């Protein structure tokens, strides 16, 4: 039955293609979201002058036990 083999091959190719498209779309979405977060952080730094942002801002920073 060559028709069944061709159908299985085509279906398998479609499933793999759909999975790869979904994977690469998610990567692109994550990159866009990450870029937006960086833009927002840059805006906050610009407004605040960098005060209170970044490392060392944790409440326990500098405490001695």
N, C-alpha and C. Protein backbone atom coordinates (compact mmCIF):
# COMPACT_ATOMS: atom_id res chain seq x y z
N UNK A 1 0.82 -1.19 0.00
CA UNK A 1 0.00 0.00 0.00
C UNK A 1 0.86 1.26 0.00
N UNK A 2 1.23 1.75 -1.15
CA UNK A 2 2.04 2.96 -1.18
C UNK A 2 1.30 4.18 -0.67
N UNK A 3 0.00 4.21 -0.77
CA UNK A 3 -0.77 5.36 -0.31
C UNK A 3 -0.69 5.54 1.19
N UNK A 4 -0.71 4.43 1.93
CA UNK A 4 -0.64 4.49 3.39
C UNK A 4 0.73 4.97 3.86
N UNK A 5 1.78 4.50 3.21
CA UNK A 5 3.13 4.92 3.56
C UNK A 5 3.32 6.42 3.29
N UNK A 6 2.82 6.87 2.15
CA UNK A 6 2.94 8.29 1.82
C UNK A 6 2.16 9.15 2.82
N UNK A 7 0.97 8.67 3.21
CA UNK A 7 0.16 9.41 4.18
C UNK A 7 0.87 9.49 5.53
N UNK A 8 1.47 8.37 5.97
CA UNK A 8 2.19 8.36 7.24
C UNK A 8 3.40 9.29 7.18
N UNK A 9 4.13 9.27 6.05
CA UNK A 9 5.30 10.12 5.89
C UNK A 9 4.91 11.59 5.91
N UNK A 10 3.86 11.93 5.18
CA UNK A 10 3.40 13.31 5.11
C UNK A 10 2.89 13.79 6.47
N UNK A 11 2.13 12.94 7.15
CA UNK A 11 1.60 13.29 8.47
C UNK A 11 2.74 13.49 9.46
N UNK A 12 3.71 12.58 9.45
CA UNK A 12 4.86 12.71 10.33
C UNK A 12 5.64 13.98 10.06
N UNK A 13 5.81 14.31 8.80
CA UNK A 13 6.51 15.55 8.43
C UNK A 13 5.74 16.78 8.89
N UNK A 14 4.42 16.72 8.81
CA UNK A 14 3.60 17.83 9.27
C UNK A 14 3.69 18.03 10.76
N UNK A 15 3.70 16.91 11.48
CA UNK A 15 3.80 16.99 12.95
C UNK A 15 5.16 17.56 13.36
N UNK A 16 6.21 17.09 12.75
CA UNK A 16 7.55 17.60 13.06
C UNK A 16 7.66 19.08 12.69
N UNK A 17 7.13 19.43 11.53
CA UNK A 17 7.16 20.82 11.11
C UNK A 17 6.40 21.73 12.06
N UNK A 18 5.24 21.28 12.50
CA UNK A 18 4.45 22.07 13.45
C UNK A 18 5.18 22.22 14.78
N UNK A 19 5.82 21.15 15.24
CA UNK A 19 6.55 21.21 16.51
C UNK A 19 7.73 22.19 16.41
N UNK A 20 8.45 22.15 15.30
CA UNK A 20 9.58 23.07 15.12
C UNK A 20 9.10 24.52 15.01
N UNK A 21 8.01 24.74 14.30
CA UNK A 21 7.47 26.09 14.18
C UNK A 21 7.08 26.62 15.55
N UNK A 22 6.42 25.79 16.35
CA UNK A 22 6.01 26.18 17.70
C UNK A 22 7.23 26.50 18.55
N UNK A 23 8.26 25.67 18.48
CA UNK A 23 9.47 25.87 19.26
C UNK A 23 10.13 27.20 18.92
N UNK A 24 10.31 27.47 17.63
CA UNK A 24 10.98 28.70 17.22
C UNK A 24 10.12 29.93 17.48
N UNK A 25 8.82 29.79 17.42
CA UNK A 25 7.93 30.91 17.75
C UNK A 25 8.06 31.26 19.22
N UNK A 26 8.13 30.27 20.08
CA UNK A 26 8.29 30.52 21.53
C UNK A 26 9.62 31.22 21.82
N UNK A 27 10.67 30.80 21.13
CA UNK A 27 11.97 31.45 21.32
C UNK A 27 11.87 32.93 20.94
N UNK A 28 11.23 33.21 19.81
CA UNK A 28 11.10 34.60 19.36
C UNK A 28 10.26 35.40 20.35
N UNK A 29 9.18 34.82 20.87
CA UNK A 29 8.35 35.52 21.86
C UNK A 29 9.15 35.84 23.11
N UNK A 30 9.96 34.87 23.57
CA UNK A 30 10.79 35.11 24.76
C UNK A 30 11.79 36.22 24.52
N UNK A 31 12.38 36.26 23.34
CA UNK A 31 13.34 37.32 23.02
C UNK A 31 12.65 38.69 23.03
N UNK A 32 11.45 38.75 22.48
CA UNK A 32 10.71 40.01 22.45
C UNK A 32 10.35 40.46 23.86
N UNK A 33 9.91 39.51 24.71
CA UNK A 33 9.57 39.85 26.09
C UNK A 33 10.81 40.31 26.86
N UNK A 34 11.92 39.62 26.66
CA UNK A 34 13.16 39.99 27.33
C UNK A 34 13.61 41.40 26.89
N UNK A 35 13.48 41.69 25.61
CA UNK A 35 13.85 43.02 25.12
C UNK A 35 12.96 44.09 25.74
N UNK A 36 11.67 43.80 25.89
CA UNK A 36 10.76 44.76 26.50
C UNK A 36 11.12 45.00 27.96
N UNK A 37 11.49 43.95 28.68
CA UNK A 37 11.90 44.11 30.08
C UNK A 37 13.14 44.98 30.16
N UNK A 38 14.10 44.76 29.27
CA UNK A 38 15.32 45.57 29.27
C UNK A 38 15.01 47.04 28.97
N UNK A 39 14.08 47.28 28.05
CA UNK A 39 13.68 48.66 27.75
C UNK A 39 13.05 49.32 28.97
N UNK A 40 12.18 48.57 29.66
CA UNK A 40 11.53 49.12 30.85
C UNK A 40 12.54 49.38 31.96
N UNK A 41 13.49 48.49 32.15
CA UNK A 41 14.52 48.70 33.16
C UNK A 41 15.38 49.91 32.83
N UNK A 42 15.71 50.08 31.56
CA UNK A 42 16.49 51.25 31.16
C UNK A 42 15.70 52.52 31.44
N UNK A 43 14.40 52.50 31.20
CA UNK A 43 13.56 53.66 31.47
C UNK A 43 13.53 53.98 32.97
N UNK A 44 13.42 52.94 33.79
CA UNK A 44 13.40 53.13 35.24
C UNK A 44 14.74 53.68 35.71
N UNK A 45 15.84 53.15 35.20
CA UNK A 45 17.17 53.65 35.57
C UNK A 45 17.32 55.12 35.17
N UNK A 46 16.81 55.45 34.01
CA UNK A 46 16.90 56.82 33.53
C UNK A 46 16.13 57.77 34.45
N UNK A 47 14.96 57.34 34.87
CA UNK A 47 14.12 58.17 35.73
C UNK A 47 14.72 58.29 37.13
N UNK A 48 15.18 57.15 37.67
CA UNK A 48 15.65 57.14 39.05
C UNK A 48 17.11 57.54 39.20
N UNK A 49 17.82 57.61 38.11
CA UNK A 49 19.24 57.93 38.19
C UNK A 49 20.04 56.75 38.71
N UNK A 50 19.48 55.56 38.69
CA UNK A 50 20.16 54.36 39.13
C UNK A 50 20.12 54.14 40.62
N UNK A 51 19.38 54.95 41.36
CA UNK A 51 19.34 54.81 42.81
C UNK A 51 18.44 53.63 43.19
N UNK A 52 18.96 52.74 44.02
CA UNK A 52 18.17 51.64 44.55
C UNK A 52 17.89 50.52 43.58
N UNK A 53 18.61 50.47 42.48
CA UNK A 53 18.39 49.43 41.50
C UNK A 53 19.68 48.65 41.34
N UNK A 54 19.56 47.34 41.28
CA UNK A 54 20.72 46.51 41.01
C UNK A 54 21.18 45.76 42.25
N UNK A 55 22.39 45.26 42.19
CA UNK A 55 22.96 44.46 43.26
C UNK A 55 23.11 45.29 44.53
N UNK A 56 22.95 44.64 45.65
CA UNK A 56 23.10 45.31 46.93
C UNK A 56 21.82 45.93 47.43
N UNK A 57 20.76 45.82 46.68
CA UNK A 57 19.50 46.41 47.10
C UNK A 57 18.69 45.52 48.02
N UNK A 58 19.21 44.35 48.32
CA UNK A 58 18.49 43.42 49.18
C UNK A 58 18.51 43.91 50.63
N UNK A 59 17.45 43.67 51.34
CA UNK A 59 17.32 44.20 52.69
C UNK A 59 18.38 43.69 53.65
N UNK A 60 18.91 42.49 53.39
CA UNK A 60 19.90 41.95 54.30
C UNK A 60 21.34 42.34 53.90
N UNK A 61 21.49 43.11 52.85
CA UNK A 61 22.82 43.48 52.38
C UNK A 61 23.53 44.32 53.46
N UNK A 62 24.74 43.93 53.77
CA UNK A 62 25.53 44.70 54.73
C UNK A 62 25.30 44.34 56.18
N UNK A 63 24.38 43.44 56.44
CA UNK A 63 24.12 43.06 57.83
C UNK A 63 25.21 42.12 58.34
N UNK A 64 25.50 42.24 59.63
CA UNK A 64 26.43 41.30 60.26
C UNK A 64 25.65 40.44 61.21
N UNK A 65 25.96 39.20 61.21
CA UNK A 65 25.24 38.26 62.09
C UNK A 65 26.11 37.77 63.19
